[in-house]
Amino acid sequence: VLFMDVLELLVAFLQAFIFTMLTALFIGTAV
């Protein structure tokens, strides 16, 4: 569980980064 919690810290940042990057990509294709 402690290992997974440390991994979840990475996933927390990574998912925010990926969501934002894909949003920017979709905006970029539209404009």
PDB file of all heavy atoms in Angstrom:
ATOM      1  N   VAL A   1       0.840  -1.206   0.000  1.00  0.00           N
ATOM      2  CA  VAL A   1       0.000   0.000   0.000  1.00  0.00           C
ATOM      3  C   VAL A   1       0.871   1.250   0.000  1.00  0.00           C
ATOM      4  O   VAL A   1       0.585   2.212  -0.720  1.00  0.00           O
ATOM      5  CB  VAL A   1      -0.972  -0.016   1.203  1.00  0.00           C
ATOM      6  CG1 VAL A   1      -1.591   1.352   1.421  1.00  0.00           C
ATOM      7  CG2 VAL A   1      -2.050  -1.050   0.995  1.00  0.00           C
ATOM      8  N   LEU A   2       1.940   1.246   0.792  1.00  0.00           N
ATOM      9  CA  LEU A   2       2.847   2.400   0.790  1.00  0.00           C
ATOM     10  C   LEU A   2       3.508   2.583  -0.573  1.00  0.00           C
ATOM     11  O   LEU A   2       3.656   3.706  -1.057  1.00  0.00           O
ATOM     12  CB  LEU A   2       3.904   2.239   1.884  1.00  0.00           C
ATOM     13  CG  LEU A   2       3.399   2.382   3.310  1.00  0.00           C
ATOM     14  CD1 LEU A   2       4.507   2.079   4.308  1.00  0.00           C
ATOM     15  CD2 LEU A   2       2.845   3.778   3.530  1.00  0.00           C
ATOM     16  N   PHE A   3       3.887   1.484  -1.212  1.00  0.00           N
ATOM     17  CA  PHE A   3       4.449   1.567  -2.557  1.00  0.00           C
ATOM     18  C   PHE A   3       3.424   2.143  -3.530  1.00  0.00           C
ATOM     19  O   PHE A   3       3.753   3.003  -4.350  1.00  0.00           O
ATOM     20  CB  PHE A   3       4.915   0.187  -3.026  1.00  0.00           C
ATOM     21  CG  PHE A   3       5.337   0.158  -4.458  1.00  0.00           C
ATOM     22  CD1 PHE A   3       6.538   0.725  -4.855  1.00  0.00           C
ATOM     23  CD2 PHE A   3       4.519  -0.411  -5.425  1.00  0.00           C
ATOM     24  CE1 PHE A   3       6.934   0.725  -6.182  1.00  0.00           C
ATOM     25  CE2 PHE A   3       4.892  -0.417  -6.762  1.00  0.00           C
ATOM     26  CZ  PHE A   3       6.107   0.152  -7.140  1.00  0.00           C
ATOM     27  N   MET A   4       2.197   1.677  -3.442  1.00  0.00           N
ATOM     28  CA  MET A   4       1.149   2.185  -4.337  1.00  0.00           C
ATOM     29  C   MET A   4       0.857   3.659  -4.073  1.00  0.00           C
ATOM     30  O   MET A   4       0.581   4.413  -5.006  1.00  0.00           O
ATOM     31  CB  MET A   4      -0.141   1.369  -4.179  1.00  0.00           C
ATOM     32  CG  MET A   4      -0.118   0.045  -4.893  1.00  0.00           C
ATOM     33  SD  MET A   4       0.212   0.190  -6.647  1.00  0.00           S
ATOM     34  CE  MET A   4      -1.163   1.180  -7.183  1.00  0.00           C
ATOM     35  N   ASP A   5       0.924   4.076  -2.794  1.00  0.00           N
ATOM     36  CA  ASP A   5       0.694   5.486  -2.493  1.00  0.00           C
ATOM     37  C   ASP A   5       1.780   6.375  -3.090  1.00  0.00           C
ATOM     38  O   ASP A   5       1.498   7.473  -3.584  1.00  0.00           O
ATOM     39  CB  ASP A   5       0.601   5.709  -0.986  1.00  0.00           C
ATOM     40  CG  ASP A   5      -0.743   5.287  -0.433  1.00  0.00           C
ATOM     41  OD1 ASP A   5      -1.704   5.191  -1.228  1.00  0.00           O
ATOM     42  OD2 ASP A   5      -0.841   5.047   0.788  1.00  0.00           O
ATOM     43  N   VAL A   6       3.022   5.903  -3.060  1.00  0.00           N
ATOM     44  CA  VAL A   6       4.100   6.663  -3.692  1.00  0.00           C
ATOM     45  C   VAL A   6       3.894   6.701  -5.201  1.00  0.00           C
ATOM     46  O   VAL A   6       4.094   7.735  -5.854  1.00  0.00           O
ATOM     47  CB  VAL A   6       5.471   6.053  -3.327  1.00  0.00           C
ATOM     48  CG1 VAL A   6       6.589   6.680  -4.140  1.00  0.00           C
ATOM     49  CG2 VAL A   6       5.739   6.228  -1.842  1.00  0.00           C
ATOM     50  N   LEU A   7       3.464   5.588  -5.760  1.00  0.00           N
ATOM     51  CA  LEU A   7       3.169   5.543  -7.189  1.00  0.00           C
ATOM     52  C   LEU A   7       2.001   6.464  -7.537  1.00  0.00           C
ATOM     53  O   LEU A   7       1.995   7.099  -8.594  1.00  0.00           O
ATOM     54  CB  LEU A   7       2.869   4.104  -7.612  1.00  0.00           C
ATOM     55  CG  LEU A   7       2.867   3.788  -9.087  1.00  0.00           C
ATOM     56  CD1 LEU A   7       4.226   4.081  -9.688  1.00  0.00           C
ATOM     57  CD2 LEU A   7       2.509   2.337  -9.301  1.00  0.00           C
ATOM     58  N   GLU A   8       1.036   6.553  -6.650  1.00  0.00           N
ATOM     59  CA  GLU A   8      -0.118   7.443  -6.865  1.00  0.00           C
ATOM     60  C   GLU A   8       0.297   8.916  -6.880  1.00  0.00           C
ATOM     61  O   GLU A   8      -0.351   9.732  -7.538  1.00  0.00           O
ATOM     62  CB  GLU A   8      -1.177   7.218  -5.784  1.00  0.00           C
ATOM     63  CG  GLU A   8      -1.974   5.951  -5.952  1.00  0.00           C
ATOM     64  CD  GLU A   8      -2.984   6.063  -7.057  1.00  0.00           C
ATOM     65  OE1 GLU A   8      -3.687   7.093  -7.135  1.00  0.00           O
ATOM     66  OE2 GLU A   8      -3.062   5.132  -7.854  1.00  0.00           O
ATOM     67  N   LEU A   9       1.366   9.269  -6.164  1.00  0.00           N
ATOM     68  CA  LEU A   9       1.874  10.640  -6.235  1.00  0.00           C
ATOM     69  C   LEU A   9       2.333  10.963  -7.650  1.00  0.00           C
ATOM     70  O   LEU A   9       2.085  12.057  -8.164  1.00  0.00           O
ATOM     71  CB  LEU A   9       3.030  10.840  -5.252  1.00  0.00           C
ATOM     72  CG  LEU A   9       2.663  10.900  -3.779  1.00  0.00           C
ATOM     73  CD1 LEU A   9       3.929  10.907  -2.928  1.00  0.00           C
ATOM     74  CD2 LEU A   9       1.826  12.125  -3.495  1.00  0.00           C
ATOM     75  N   LEU A  10       3.001  10.008  -8.271  1.00  0.00           N
ATOM     76  CA  LEU A  10       3.430  10.196  -9.651  1.00  0.00           C
ATOM     77  C   LEU A  10       2.224  10.251 -10.588  1.00  0.00           C
ATOM     78  O   LEU A  10       2.153  11.105 -11.472  1.00  0.00           O
ATOM     79  CB  LEU A  10       4.372   9.066 -10.079  1.00  0.00           C
ATOM     80  CG  LEU A  10       4.777   9.048 -11.545  1.00  0.00           C
ATOM     81  CD1 LEU A  10       5.653  10.243 -11.868  1.00  0.00           C
ATOM     82  CD2 LEU A  10       5.475   7.754 -11.881  1.00  0.00           C
ATOM     83  N   VAL A  11       1.275   9.360 -10.380  1.00  0.00           N
ATOM     84  CA  VAL A  11       0.082   9.309 -11.228  1.00  0.00           C
ATOM     85  C   VAL A  11      -0.739  10.592 -11.092  1.00  0.00           C
ATOM     86  O   VAL A  11      -1.313  11.067 -12.068  1.00  0.00           O
ATOM     87  CB  VAL A  11      -0.760   8.049 -10.898  1.00  0.00           C
ATOM     88  CG1 VAL A  11      -2.112   8.092 -11.582  1.00  0.00           C
ATOM     89  CG2 VAL A  11      -0.002   6.795 -11.291  1.00  0.00           C
ATOM     90  N   ALA A  12      -0.783  11.170  -9.902  1.00  0.00           N
ATOM     91  CA  ALA A  12      -1.528  12.414  -9.684  1.00  0.00           C
ATOM     92  C   ALA A  12      -1.004  13.514 -10.596  1.00  0.00           C
ATOM     93  O   ALA A  12      -1.782  14.227 -11.249  1.00  0.00           O
ATOM     94  CB  ALA A  12      -1.429  12.843  -8.225  1.00  0.00           C
ATOM     95  N   PHE A  13       0.312  13.662 -10.660  1.00  0.00           N
ATOM     96  CA  PHE A  13       0.899  14.676 -11.535  1.00  0.00           C
ATOM     97  C   PHE A  13       0.756  14.282 -12.997  1.00  0.00           C
ATOM     98  O   PHE A  13       0.402  15.101 -13.848  1.00  0.00           O
ATOM     99  CB  PHE A  13       2.378  14.879 -11.199  1.00  0.00           C
ATOM    100  CG  PHE A  13       3.084  15.767 -12.174  1.00  0.00           C
ATOM    101  CD1 PHE A  13       2.935  17.142 -12.095  1.00  0.00           C
ATOM    102  CD2 PHE A  13       3.865  15.239 -13.175  1.00  0.00           C
ATOM    103  CE1 PHE A  13       3.567  17.973 -12.995  1.00  0.00           C
ATOM    104  CE2 PHE A  13       4.500  16.057 -14.087  1.00  0.00           C
ATOM    105  CZ  PHE A  13       4.353  17.434 -13.994  1.00  0.00           C
ATOM    106  N   LEU A  14       1.023  13.028 -13.301  1.00  0.00           N
ATOM    107  CA  LEU A  14       1.023  12.564 -14.684  1.00  0.00           C
ATOM    108  C   LEU A  14      -0.348  12.708 -15.337  1.00  0.00           C
ATOM    109  O   LEU A  14      -0.453  13.123 -16.493  1.00  0.00           O
ATOM    110  CB  LEU A  14       1.486  11.111 -14.732  1.00  0.00           C
ATOM    111  CG  LEU A  14       1.860  10.543 -16.081  1.00  0.00           C
ATOM    112  CD1 LEU A  14       3.026  11.325 -16.657  1.00  0.00           C
ATOM    113  CD2 LEU A  14       2.224   9.086 -15.942  1.00  0.00           C
ATOM    114  N   GLN A  15      -1.407  12.400 -14.617  1.00  0.00           N
ATOM    115  CA  GLN A  15      -2.745  12.511 -15.184  1.00  0.00           C
ATOM    116  C   GLN A  15      -3.129  13.967 -15.417  1.00  0.00           C
ATOM    117  O   GLN A  15      -3.780  14.290 -16.411  1.00  0.00           O
ATOM    118  CB  GLN A  15      -3.776  11.812 -14.302  1.00  0.00           C
ATOM    119  CG  GLN A  15      -3.669  10.311 -14.338  1.00  0.00           C
ATOM    120  CD  GLN A  15      -3.732   9.770 -15.748  1.00  0.00           C
ATOM    121  OE1 GLN A  15      -4.594  10.134 -16.533  1.00  0.00           O
ATOM    122  NE2 GLN A  15      -2.795   8.890 -16.083  1.00  0.00           N
ATOM    123  N   ALA A  16      -2.734  14.857 -14.516  1.00  0.00           N
ATOM    124  CA  ALA A  16      -2.995  16.281 -14.733  1.00  0.00           C
ATOM    125  C   ALA A  16      -2.221  16.780 -15.953  1.00  0.00           C
ATOM    126  O   ALA A  16      -2.752  17.532 -16.775  1.00  0.00           O
ATOM    127  CB  ALA A  16      -2.606  17.083 -13.491  1.00  0.00           C
ATOM    128  N   PHE A  17      -0.986  16.331 -16.088  1.00  0.00           N
ATOM    129  CA  PHE A  17      -0.157  16.740 -17.224  1.00  0.00           C
ATOM    130  C   PHE A  17      -0.737  16.226 -18.538  1.00  0.00           C
ATOM    131  O   PHE A  17      -0.851  16.972 -19.514  1.00  0.00           O
ATOM    132  CB  PHE A  17       1.270  16.219 -17.017  1.00  0.00           C
ATOM    133  CG  PHE A  17       2.221  16.612 -18.105  1.00  0.00           C
ATOM    134  CD1 PHE A  17       2.819  17.855 -18.100  1.00  0.00           C
ATOM    135  CD2 PHE A  17       2.509  15.738 -19.137  1.00  0.00           C
ATOM    136  CE1 PHE A  17       3.695  18.233 -19.108  1.00  0.00           C
ATOM    137  CE2 PHE A  17       3.381  16.097 -20.146  1.00  0.00           C
ATOM    138  CZ  PHE A  17       3.977  17.351 -20.132  1.00  0.00           C
ATOM    139  N   ILE A  18      -1.124  14.953 -18.580  1.00  0.00           N
ATOM    140  CA  ILE A  18      -1.651  14.364 -19.812  1.00  0.00           C
ATOM    141  C   ILE A  18      -2.972  15.004 -20.212  1.00  0.00           C
ATOM    142  O   ILE A  18      -3.194  15.317 -21.383  1.00  0.00           O
ATOM    143  CB  ILE A  18      -1.787  12.840 -19.660  1.00  0.00           C
ATOM    144  CG1 ILE A  18      -0.405  12.198 -19.620  1.00  0.00           C
ATOM    145  CG2 ILE A  18      -2.615  12.234 -20.788  1.00  0.00           C
ATOM    146  CD1 ILE A  18      -0.413  10.736 -19.265  1.00  0.00           C
ATOM    147  N   PHE A  19      -3.867  15.209 -19.257  1.00  0.00           N
ATOM    148  CA  PHE A  19      -5.150  15.846 -19.549  1.00  0.00           C
ATOM    149  C   PHE A  19      -4.921  17.248 -20.130  1.00  0.00           C
ATOM    150  O   PHE A  19      -5.545  17.629 -21.126  1.00  0.00           O
ATOM    151  CB  PHE A  19      -6.006  15.928 -18.282  1.00  0.00           C
ATOM    152  CG  PHE A  19      -7.449  16.244 -18.525  1.00  0.00           C
ATOM    153  CD1 PHE A  19      -8.382  15.237 -18.588  1.00  0.00           C
ATOM    154  CD2 PHE A  19      -7.877  17.547 -18.693  1.00  0.00           C
ATOM    155  CE1 PHE A  19      -9.731  15.522 -18.803  1.00  0.00           C
ATOM    156  CE2 PHE A  19      -9.211  17.846 -18.914  1.00  0.00           C
ATOM    157  CZ  PHE A  19     -10.136  16.824 -18.973  1.00  0.00           C
ATOM    158  N   THR A  20      -4.006  17.992 -19.533  1.00  0.00           N
ATOM    159  CA  THR A  20      -3.729  19.349 -19.999  1.00  0.00           C
ATOM    160  C   THR A  20      -3.050  19.337 -21.363  1.00  0.00           C
ATOM    161  O   THR A  20      -3.372  20.153 -22.235  1.00  0.00           O
ATOM    162  CB  THR A  20      -2.855  20.094 -18.973  1.00  0.00           C
ATOM    163  OG1 THR A  20      -3.461  19.985 -17.688  1.00  0.00           O
ATOM    164  CG2 THR A  20      -2.703  21.552 -19.340  1.00  0.00           C
ATOM    165  N   MET A  21      -2.125  18.407 -21.563  1.00  0.00           N
ATOM    166  CA  MET A  21      -1.438  18.338 -22.849  1.00  0.00           C
ATOM    167  C   MET A  21      -2.406  17.974 -23.973  1.00  0.00           C
ATOM    168  O   MET A  21      -2.368  18.571 -25.050  1.00  0.00           O
ATOM    169  CB  MET A  21      -0.304  17.315 -22.799  1.00  0.00           C
ATOM    170  CG  MET A  21       0.516  17.294 -24.075  1.00  0.00           C
ATOM    171  SD  MET A  21       1.761  16.026 -24.089  1.00  0.00           S
ATOM    172  CE  MET A  21       0.753  14.572 -24.133  1.00  0.00           C
ATOM    173  N   LEU A  22      -3.286  17.014 -23.735  1.00  0.00           N
ATOM    174  CA  LEU A  22      -4.254  16.643 -24.761  1.00  0.00           C
ATOM    175  C   LEU A  22      -5.258  17.769 -25.010  1.00  0.00           C
ATOM    176  O   LEU A  22      -5.689  17.981 -26.145  1.00  0.00           O
ATOM    177  CB  LEU A  22      -4.959  15.342 -24.388  1.00  0.00           C
ATOM    178  CG  LEU A  22      -4.076  14.099 -24.462  1.00  0.00           C
ATOM    179  CD1 LEU A  22      -4.816  12.886 -23.929  1.00  0.00           C
ATOM    180  CD2 LEU A  22      -3.597  13.859 -25.876  1.00  0.00           C
ATOM    181  N   THR A  23      -5.621  18.495 -23.968  1.00  0.00           N
ATOM    182  CA  THR A  23      -6.489  19.660 -24.152  1.00  0.00           C
ATOM    183  C   THR A  23      -5.811  20.690 -25.052  1.00  0.00           C
ATOM    184  O   THR A  23      -6.435  21.225 -25.976  1.00  0.00           O
ATOM    185  CB  THR A  23      -6.836  20.289 -22.790  1.00  0.00           C
ATOM    186  OG1 THR A  23      -7.524  19.323 -21.995  1.00  0.00           O
ATOM    187  CG2 THR A  23      -7.693  21.520 -22.960  1.00  0.00           C
ATOM    188  N   ALA A  24      -4.545  20.953 -24.796  1.00  0.00           N
ATOM    189  CA  ALA A  24      -3.807  21.903 -25.632  1.00  0.00           C
ATOM    190  C   ALA A  24      -3.687  21.390 -27.066  1.00  0.00           C
ATOM    191  O   ALA A  24      -3.777  22.166 -28.022  1.00  0.00           O
ATOM    192  CB  ALA A  24      -2.422  22.154 -25.043  1.00  0.00           C
ATOM    193  N   LEU A  25      -3.505  20.100 -27.221  1.00  0.00           N
ATOM    194  CA  LEU A  25      -3.421  19.520 -28.562  1.00  0.00           C
ATOM    195  C   LEU A  25      -4.738  19.674 -29.317  1.00  0.00           C
ATOM    196  O   LEU A  25      -4.748  20.040 -30.502  1.00  0.00           O
ATOM    197  CB  LEU A  25      -3.032  18.047 -28.465  1.00  0.00           C
ATOM    198  CG  LEU A  25      -2.796  17.315 -29.766  1.00  0.00           C
ATOM    199  CD1 LEU A  25      -1.540  17.840 -30.435  1.00  0.00           C
ATOM    200  CD2 LEU A  25      -2.669  15.835 -29.503  1.00  0.00           C
ATOM    201  N   PHE A  26      -5.858  19.422 -28.629  1.00  0.00           N
ATOM    202  CA  PHE A  26      -7.171  19.581 -29.265  1.00  0.00           C
ATOM    203  C   PHE A  26      -7.431  21.036 -29.623  1.00  0.00           C
ATOM    204  O   PHE A  26      -7.972  21.340 -30.689  1.00  0.00           O
ATOM    205  CB  PHE A  26      -8.283  19.046 -28.366  1.00  0.00           C
ATOM    206  CG  PHE A  26      -8.182  17.575 -28.072  1.00  0.00           C
ATOM    207  CD1 PHE A  26      -8.770  17.048 -26.944  1.00  0.00           C
ATOM    208  CD2 PHE A  26      -7.496  16.717 -28.913  1.00  0.00           C
ATOM    209  CE1 PHE A  26      -8.689  15.692 -26.665  1.00  0.00           C
ATOM    210  CE2 PHE A  26      -7.406  15.357 -28.642  1.00  0.00           C
ATOM    211  CZ  PHE A  26      -8.005  14.857 -27.512  1.00  0.00           C
ATOM    212  N   ILE A  27      -7.046  21.952 -28.739  1.00  0.00           N
ATOM    213  CA  ILE A  27      -7.201  23.379 -29.037  1.00  0.00           C
ATOM    214  C   ILE A  27      -6.320  23.747 -30.223  1.00  0.00           C
ATOM    215  O   ILE A  27      -6.744  24.480 -31.123  1.00  0.00           O
ATOM    216  CB  ILE A  27      -6.859  24.238 -27.805  1.00  0.00           C
ATOM    217  CG1 ILE A  27      -7.903  24.041 -26.713  1.00  0.00           C
ATOM    218  CG2 ILE A  27      -6.767  25.721 -28.181  1.00  0.00           C
ATOM    219  CD1 ILE A  27      -7.533  24.661 -25.380  1.00  0.00           C
ATOM    220  N   GLY A  28      -5.110  23.234 -30.249  1.00  0.00           N
ATOM    221  CA  GLY A  28      -4.190  23.527 -31.339  1.00  0.00           C
ATOM    222  C   GLY A  28      -4.699  23.069 -32.687  1.00  0.00           C
ATOM    223  O   GLY A  28      -4.542  23.774 -33.692  1.00  0.00           O
ATOM    224  N   THR A  29      -5.331  21.896 -32.732  1.00  0.00           N
ATOM    225  CA  THR A  29      -5.880  21.431 -34.009  1.00  0.00           C
ATOM    226  C   THR A  29      -7.081  22.266 -34.437  1.00  0.00           C
ATOM    227  O   THR A  29      -7.359  22.375 -35.630  1.00  0.00           O
ATOM    228  CB  THR A  29      -6.291  19.948 -33.940  1.00  0.00           C
ATOM    229  OG1 THR A  29      -7.246  19.762 -32.898  1.00  0.00           O
ATOM    230  CG2 THR A  29      -5.089  19.064 -33.714  1.00  0.00           C
ATOM    231  N   ALA A  30      -7.788  22.849 -33.477  1.00  0.00           N
ATOM    232  CA  ALA A  30      -8.960  23.656 -33.822  1.00  0.00           C
ATOM    233  C   ALA A  30      -8.595  25.063 -34.269  1.00  0.00           C
ATOM    234  O   ALA A  30      -9.337  25.670 -35.042  1.00  0.00           O
ATOM    235  CB  ALA A  30      -9.916  23.723 -32.636  1.00  0.00           C
ATOM    236  N   VAL A  31      -7.471  25.590 -33.806  1.00  0.00           N
ATOM    237  CA  VAL A  31      -7.135  26.985 -34.113  1.00  0.00           C
ATOM    238  C   VAL A  31      -5.973  27.115 -35.091  1.00  0.00           C
ATOM    239  O   VAL A  31      -5.594  28.247 -35.416  1.00  0.00           O
ATOM    240  CB  VAL A  31      -6.827  27.793 -32.830  1.00  0.00           C
ATOM    241  CG1 VAL A  31      -8.011  27.811 -31.900  1.00  0.00           C
ATOM    242  CG2 VAL A  31      -5.567  27.291 -32.150  1.00  0.00           C
TER     243      VAL A  31
END
